Amino acid sequence: MLRAAGRLPMLALAQRIRGVAALAEGHSEDAFRQLMRIFDRDDSAWFPNYQLLTLGHLSEAAVLGGFQGELRPVVAALEPIAVQSRSPALRV
C-alpha cells in the first residue's frame, strides 16, 4: 500500500542512514542534502513518518552547514504538529 501511494519507506530509511553517516563524518552539507530528501514531497525518498525522527539530525546539519534558511520552511511545516503534541521532544 505504501508503494502504491508513492511512498518508499526503505528509501527514506536509507537516506536517513546516509545523512547521519555524513553528519558523523563531518560532512554537514552532504548530510543536509541527504536528509532533506525525506522532507521533499517531489522526491521519491519523501516519507512523513520519518520526518520527526530525522528533524534533529537535519537541524544539526543545517546549523553546521549554514542552511538555516532552507531549514525554516521545514520547521514551519512541522510546527503545528509539535504544538498539538504533548511530547516535550517535539516541542524542542
Protein backbone atom coordinates (compact mmCIF):
# COMPACT_ATOMS: atom_id res chain seq x y z
CA MET A 1 0.00 0.00 0.00
CA LEU A 2 2.82 2.44 0.77
CA ARG A 3 4.45 1.70 -2.56
CA ALA A 4 1.17 2.28 -4.36
CA ALA A 5 0.89 5.65 -2.63
CA GLY A 6 4.34 6.58 -3.94
CA ARG A 7 5.96 6.31 -0.53
CA LEU A 8 9.14 4.33 -0.19
CA PRO A 9 9.95 3.86 3.49
CA MET A 10 13.11 1.84 2.79
CA LEU A 11 14.47 4.64 0.60
CA ALA A 12 13.71 7.15 3.34
CA LEU A 13 15.49 4.92 5.85
CA ALA A 14 18.49 4.67 3.52
CA GLN A 15 18.55 8.47 3.19
CA ARG A 16 18.37 8.84 6.95
CA ILE A 17 21.32 6.45 7.37
CA ARG A 18 23.32 8.22 4.66
CA GLY A 19 22.61 11.60 6.22
CA VAL A 20 23.52 10.56 9.75
CA ALA A 21 26.70 8.89 8.49
CA ALA A 22 27.70 12.04 6.60
CA LEU A 23 26.98 14.12 9.69
CA ALA A 24 29.10 11.82 11.84
CA GLU A 25 31.96 12.15 9.35
CA GLY A 26 31.77 15.95 9.48
CA HIS A 27 30.20 16.43 6.05
CA SER A 28 27.36 18.72 7.04
CA GLU A 29 26.42 19.85 3.53
CA ASP A 30 26.15 16.28 2.26
CA ALA A 31 24.23 15.30 5.41
CA PHE A 32 21.78 18.15 4.92
CA ARG A 33 21.16 17.25 1.27
CA GLN A 34 20.70 13.55 2.07
CA LEU A 35 18.30 14.23 4.94
CA MET A 36 16.31 16.91 3.10
CA ARG A 37 15.18 14.30 0.59
CA ILE A 38 12.90 12.86 3.29
CA PHE A 39 11.18 16.26 3.57
CA ASP A 40 10.83 16.98 -0.17
CA ARG A 41 7.38 15.97 -1.47
CA ASP A 42 8.76 15.74 -5.00
CA ASP A 43 11.50 13.29 -4.01
CA SER A 44 10.97 9.53 -4.03
CA ALA A 45 12.51 9.43 -0.53
CA TRP A 46 9.75 11.68 0.90
CA PHE A 47 8.25 9.89 3.86
CA PRO A 48 6.39 11.93 6.52
CA ASN A 49 6.63 9.17 9.11
CA TYR A 50 10.41 9.66 9.34
CA GLN A 51 10.36 13.43 9.38
CA LEU A 52 10.00 13.91 13.13
CA LEU A 53 12.65 11.24 13.74
CA THR A 54 15.02 12.96 11.34
CA LEU A 55 14.42 16.60 12.22
CA GLY A 56 17.10 16.76 14.92
CA HIS A 57 19.80 15.48 12.58
CA LEU A 58 18.59 17.75 9.79
CA SER A 59 18.72 20.73 12.15
CA GLU A 60 22.24 19.89 13.25
CA ALA A 61 23.40 19.56 9.64
CA ALA A 62 21.68 22.85 8.76
CA VAL A 63 23.36 24.76 11.58
CA LEU A 64 26.79 23.28 10.90
CA GLY A 65 26.48 23.80 7.16
CA GLY A 66 24.81 27.22 7.20
CA PHE A 67 21.47 26.05 5.77
CA GLN A 68 19.18 27.66 8.34
CA GLY A 69 17.28 29.45 5.56
CA GLU A 70 16.43 26.14 3.91
CA LEU A 71 15.52 24.62 7.27
CA ARG A 72 12.99 27.31 8.26
CA PRO A 73 10.16 26.16 5.94
CA VAL A 74 10.61 22.57 7.12
CA VAL A 75 10.34 23.59 10.77
CA ALA A 76 7.38 25.88 10.00
CA ALA A 77 5.54 23.00 8.31
CA LEU A 78 6.10 20.68 11.30
CA GLU A 79 5.40 23.30 13.97
CA PRO A 80 1.60 22.70 14.08
CA ILE A 81 2.26 19.02 14.81
CA ALA A 82 4.63 19.93 17.63
CA VAL A 83 2.17 22.44 19.10
CA GLN A 84 -0.62 19.84 19.17
CA SER A 85 1.65 17.19 20.62
CA ARG A 86 2.26 16.71 24.28
CA SER A 87 5.74 15.38 23.55
CA PRO A 88 8.49 17.58 25.00
CA ALA A 89 10.88 16.24 22.36
CA LEU A 90 8.72 17.58 19.53
CA ARG A 91 8.30 20.94 21.21
CA VAL A 92 12.05 21.35 21.46
